[in-house]
Amino acid sequence: TTPRPPPYIPDEYLSYLDTFPEDRESIPPPF
């Protein structure tokens, strides 16, 4: 079996996480 590639994380989402680092666990991904 071929291992699944890791999910692509857009830079916008990384920036979004950086904007709310303390809420990372409670804010769902914006997609």
PDB file of N, CA and C in Angstrom:
ATOM      1  N   THR A   1       0.842  -1.214   0.000  1.00  0.00           N
ATOM      2  CA  THR A   1       0.000   0.000   0.000  1.00  0.00           C
ATOM      3  C   THR A   1       0.870   1.254   0.000  1.00  0.00           C
ATOM      4  N   THR A   2       0.423   2.240  -0.719  1.00  0.00           N
ATOM      5  CA  THR A   2       1.157   3.501  -0.762  1.00  0.00           C
ATOM      6  C   THR A   2       0.717   4.378   0.402  1.00  0.00           C
ATOM      7  N   PRO A   3       1.661   4.879   1.175  1.00  0.00           N
ATOM      8  CA  PRO A   3       1.249   5.762   2.281  1.00  0.00           C
ATOM      9  C   PRO A   3       0.589   7.024   1.753  1.00  0.00           C
ATOM     10  N   ARG A   4      -0.414   7.446   2.449  1.00  0.00           N
ATOM     11  CA  ARG A   4      -1.101   8.670   2.023  1.00  0.00           C
ATOM     12  C   ARG A   4      -0.176   9.860   2.204  1.00  0.00           C
ATOM     13  N   PRO A   5      -0.180  10.777   1.258  1.00  0.00           N
ATOM     14  CA  PRO A   5       0.608  12.001   1.448  1.00  0.00           C
ATOM     15  C   PRO A   5      -0.004  12.839   2.568  1.00  0.00           C
ATOM     16  N   PRO A   6       0.787  13.624   3.242  1.00  0.00           N
ATOM     17  CA  PRO A   6       0.218  14.478   4.288  1.00  0.00           C
ATOM     18  C   PRO A   6      -0.723  15.498   3.669  1.00  0.00           C
ATOM     19  N   PRO A   7      -1.733  15.901   4.396  1.00  0.00           N
ATOM     20  CA  PRO A   7      -2.664  16.886   3.844  1.00  0.00           C
ATOM     21  C   PRO A   7      -1.951  18.195   3.563  1.00  0.00           C
ATOM     22  N   TYR A   8      -2.333  18.812   2.491  1.00  0.00           N
ATOM     23  CA  TYR A   8      -1.726  20.088   2.131  1.00  0.00           C
ATOM     24  C   TYR A   8      -2.288  21.186   3.031  1.00  0.00           C
ATOM     25  N   ILE A   9      -1.403  21.947   3.627  1.00  0.00           N
ATOM     26  CA  ILE A   9      -1.829  23.039   4.502  1.00  0.00           C
ATOM     27  C   ILE A   9      -1.476  24.352   3.827  1.00  0.00           C
ATOM     28  N   PRO A  10      -2.472  25.112   3.405  1.00  0.00           N
ATOM     29  CA  PRO A  10      -2.189  26.376   2.721  1.00  0.00           C
ATOM     30  C   PRO A  10      -1.509  27.374   3.651  1.00  0.00           C
ATOM     31  N   ASP A  11      -0.727  28.243   3.064  1.00  0.00           N
ATOM     32  CA  ASP A  11      -0.048  29.267   3.854  1.00  0.00           C
ATOM     33  C   ASP A  11      -1.051  30.160   4.584  1.00  0.00           C
ATOM     34  N   GLU A  12      -2.221  30.344   3.966  1.00  0.00           N
ATOM     35  CA  GLU A  12      -3.230  31.176   4.611  1.00  0.00           C
ATOM     36  C   GLU A  12      -3.666  30.545   5.934  1.00  0.00           C
ATOM     37  N   TYR A  13      -3.731  29.216   5.947  1.00  0.00           N
ATOM     38  CA  TYR A  13      -4.133  28.549   7.176  1.00  0.00           C
ATOM     39  C   TYR A  13      -3.036  28.642   8.229  1.00  0.00           C
ATOM     40  N   LEU A  14      -1.789  28.533   7.805  1.00  0.00           N
ATOM     41  CA  LEU A  14      -0.694  28.679   8.762  1.00  0.00           C
ATOM     42  C   LEU A  14      -0.695  30.087   9.354  1.00  0.00           C
ATOM     43  N   SER A  15      -0.966  31.065   8.520  1.00  0.00           N
ATOM     44  CA  SER A  15      -1.043  32.441   9.015  1.00  0.00           C
ATOM     45  C   SER A  15      -2.230  32.600   9.968  1.00  0.00           C
ATOM     46  N   TYR A  16      -3.309  31.907   9.628  1.00  0.00           N
ATOM     47  CA  TYR A  16      -4.505  31.928  10.467  1.00  0.00           C
ATOM     48  C   TYR A  16      -4.194  31.337  11.840  1.00  0.00           C
ATOM     49  N   LEU A  17      -3.447  30.244  11.863  1.00  0.00           N
ATOM     50  CA  LEU A  17      -3.068  29.660  13.144  1.00  0.00           C
ATOM     51  C   LEU A  17      -2.157  30.600  13.915  1.00  0.00           C
ATOM     52  N   ASP A  18      -1.247  31.252  13.209  1.00  0.00           N
ATOM     53  CA  ASP A  18      -0.337  32.176  13.881  1.00  0.00           C
ATOM     54  C   ASP A  18      -1.091  33.363  14.481  1.00  0.00           C
ATOM     55  N   THR A  19      -2.223  33.683  13.882  1.00  0.00           N
ATOM     56  CA  THR A  19      -3.000  34.813  14.377  1.00  0.00           C
ATOM     57  C   THR A  19      -3.705  34.464  15.682  1.00  0.00           C
ATOM     58  N   PHE A  20      -4.063  33.178  15.845  1.00  0.00           N
ATOM     59  CA  PHE A  20      -4.784  32.742  17.044  1.00  0.00           C
ATOM     60  C   PHE A  20      -4.081  31.542  17.680  1.00  0.00           C
ATOM     61  N   PRO A  21      -2.830  31.679  18.087  1.00  0.00           N
ATOM     62  CA  PRO A  21      -2.104  30.508  18.575  1.00  0.00           C
ATOM     63  C   PRO A  21      -2.717  29.921  19.842  1.00  0.00           C
ATOM     64  N   GLU A  22      -3.274  30.780  20.705  1.00  0.00           N
ATOM     65  CA  GLU A  22      -3.825  30.278  21.958  1.00  0.00           C
ATOM     66  C   GLU A  22      -5.148  29.552  21.739  1.00  0.00           C
ATOM     67  N   ASP A  23      -5.779  29.798  20.588  1.00  0.00           N
ATOM     68  CA  ASP A  23      -7.071  29.171  20.308  1.00  0.00           C
ATOM     69  C   ASP A  23      -6.959  28.040  19.298  1.00  0.00           C
ATOM     70  N   ARG A  24      -5.746  27.597  19.064  1.00  0.00           N
ATOM     71  CA  ARG A  24      -5.520  26.592  18.029  1.00  0.00           C
ATOM     72  C   ARG A  24      -6.383  25.350  18.234  1.00  0.00           C
ATOM     73  N   GLU A  25      -6.615  24.973  19.499  1.00  0.00           N
ATOM     74  CA  GLU A  25      -7.373  23.749  19.754  1.00  0.00           C
ATOM     75  C   GLU A  25      -8.873  23.961  19.568  1.00  0.00           C
ATOM     76  N   SER A  26      -9.333  25.179  19.713  1.00  0.00           N
ATOM     77  CA  SER A  26     -10.775  25.407  19.721  1.00  0.00           C
ATOM     78  C   SER A  26     -11.311  25.961  18.407  1.00  0.00           C
ATOM     79  N   ILE A  27     -10.432  26.505  17.573  1.00  0.00           N
ATOM     80  CA  ILE A  27     -10.887  27.050  16.292  1.00  0.00           C
ATOM     81  C   ILE A  27     -10.764  25.977  15.215  1.00  0.00           C
ATOM     82  N   PRO A  28     -11.851  25.641  14.530  1.00  0.00           N
ATOM     83  CA  PRO A  28     -11.769  24.639  13.469  1.00  0.00           C
ATOM     84  C   PRO A  28     -11.049  25.202  12.249  1.00  0.00           C
ATOM     85  N   PRO A  29     -10.502  24.332  11.429  1.00  0.00           N
ATOM     86  CA  PRO A  29      -9.866  24.816  10.205  1.00  0.00           C
ATOM     87  C   PRO A  29     -10.876  25.538   9.315  1.00  0.00           C
ATOM     88  N   PRO A  30     -10.467  26.589   8.649  1.00  0.00           N
ATOM     89  CA  PRO A  30     -11.407  27.368   7.828  1.00  0.00           C
ATOM     90  C   PRO A  30     -11.639  26.756   6.451  1.00  0.00           C
ATOM     91  N   PHE A  31     -11.732  25.419   6.391  1.00  0.00           N
ATOM     92  CA  PHE A  31     -12.024  24.754   5.119  1.00  0.00           C
ATOM     93  C   PHE A  31     -12.633  23.395   5.398  1.00  0.00           C
TER      94      PHE A  31
END
